[in-house]
C-alpha atoms as a PDB file:
ATOM      1  CA  MET A   1     100.724 175.582 -90.639  1.00  0.00           C
ATOM      2  CA  THR A   2      99.565 172.576 -88.666  1.00  0.00           C
ATOM      3  CA  ARG A   3      96.010 171.332 -88.419  1.00  0.00           C
ATOM      4  CA  GLY A   4      95.802 172.422 -84.775  1.00  0.00           C
ATOM      5  CA  SER A   5      96.908 175.965 -85.543  1.00  0.00           C
ATOM      6  CA  GLU A   6      94.466 176.149 -88.474  1.00  0.00           C
ATOM      7  CA  SER A   7      91.649 175.093 -86.154  1.00  0.00           C
ATOM      8  CA  ARG A   8      92.603 177.750 -83.602  1.00  0.00           C
ATOM      9  CA  LEU A   9      92.816 180.404 -86.328  1.00  0.00           C
ATOM     10  CA  ASP A  10      89.385 179.412 -87.683  1.00  0.00           C
ATOM     11  CA  ALA A  11      87.902 179.515 -84.177  1.00  0.00           C
ATOM     12  CA  ALA A  12      89.353 182.986 -83.633  1.00  0.00           C
ATOM     13  CA  LYS A  13      87.940 184.204 -86.962  1.00  0.00           C
ATOM     14  CA  PHE A  14      84.459 182.944 -86.133  1.00  0.00           C
ATOM     15  CA  LYS A  15      84.647 184.553 -82.701  1.00  0.00           C
ATOM     16  CA  VAL A  16      85.464 187.908 -84.315  1.00  0.00           C
ATOM     17  CA  ILE A  17      82.706 187.472 -86.919  1.00  0.00           C
ATOM     18  CA  ALA A  18      80.156 186.601 -84.214  1.00  0.00           C
ATOM     19  CA  ALA A  19      81.116 189.736 -82.266  1.00  0.00           C
ATOM     20  CA  MET A  20      80.738 191.861 -85.400  1.00  0.00           C
ATOM     21  CA  GLU A  21      77.339 190.315 -86.166  1.00  0.00           C
ATOM     22  CA  GLN A  22      76.068 191.395 -82.749  1.00  0.00           C
ATOM     23  CA  ARG A  23      76.652 195.007 -83.786  1.00  0.00           C
ATOM     24  CA  LEU A  24      74.707 194.797 -87.046  1.00  0.00           C
ATOM     25  CA  PRO A  25      71.197 196.318 -87.172  1.00  0.00           C
ATOM     26  CA  ALA A  26      69.733 193.107 -88.568  1.00  0.00           C
ATOM     27  CA  CYS A  27      71.576 190.490 -86.617  1.00  0.00           C
ATOM     28  CA  ALA A  28      72.722 187.371 -88.445  1.00  0.00           C
ATOM     29  CA  LYS A  29      70.822 185.206 -85.955  1.00  0.00           C
ATOM     30  CA  ASP A  30      67.614 186.740 -87.353  1.00  0.00           C
ATOM     31  CA  GLN A  31      68.260 184.867 -90.591  1.00  0.00           C
ATOM     32  CA  TRP A  32      67.364 181.663 -88.762  1.00  0.00           C
ATOM     33  CA  ALA A  33      63.840 182.873 -87.950  1.00  0.00           C
ATOM     34  CA  GLU A  34      62.641 182.477 -91.545  1.00  0.00           C
ATOM     35  CA  PRO A  35      63.684 178.823 -92.023  1.00  0.00           C
ATOM     36  CA  GLY A  36      62.367 177.801 -88.590  1.00  0.00           C
ATOM     37  CA  GLU A  37      65.615 178.172 -86.636  1.00  0.00           C
ATOM     38  CA  GLY A  38      66.985 174.865 -87.884  1.00  0.00           C
ATOM     39  CA  ARG A  39      64.248 172.686 -86.391  1.00  0.00           C
ATOM     40  CA  ASP A  40      63.610 170.980 -89.754  1.00  0.00           C
ATOM     41  CA  TRP A  41      67.002 169.363 -90.402  1.00  0.00           C
ATOM     42  CA  SER A  42      65.927 168.123 -93.845  1.00  0.00           C
ATOM     43  CA  ALA A  43      65.892 171.730 -95.083  1.00  0.00           C
ATOM     44  CA  TYR A  44      69.673 171.840 -94.622  1.00  0.00           C
ATOM     45  CA  VAL A  45      70.657 168.519 -96.155  1.00  0.00           C
ATOM     46  CA  PRO A  46      72.380 168.884 -99.539  1.00  0.00           C
ATOM     47  CA  ARG A  47      70.145 167.535-102.265  1.00  0.00           C
ATOM     48  CA  SER A  48      72.571 167.633-105.188  1.00  0.00           C
ATOM     49  CA  GLY A  49      74.695 164.721-104.015  1.00  0.00           C
ATOM     50  CA  THR A  50      77.914 166.700-104.285  1.00  0.00           C
END
C-alpha cells in the first residue's frame, strides 16, 4: 500500500468515526468541554519526552 492510499484510508476511517460519534448520546466533542476545548495548548504537549 502506498503512502497516498494509506492517507486516503485513514481519512475515510476518521470520517466514518466522526459520523458514528454524532449518533452517540454523549458526543465525543463534549470531551473537549472539560479541558477547555483545547484553548490551553500546554495541556496537550507531551511531558515525558518520548
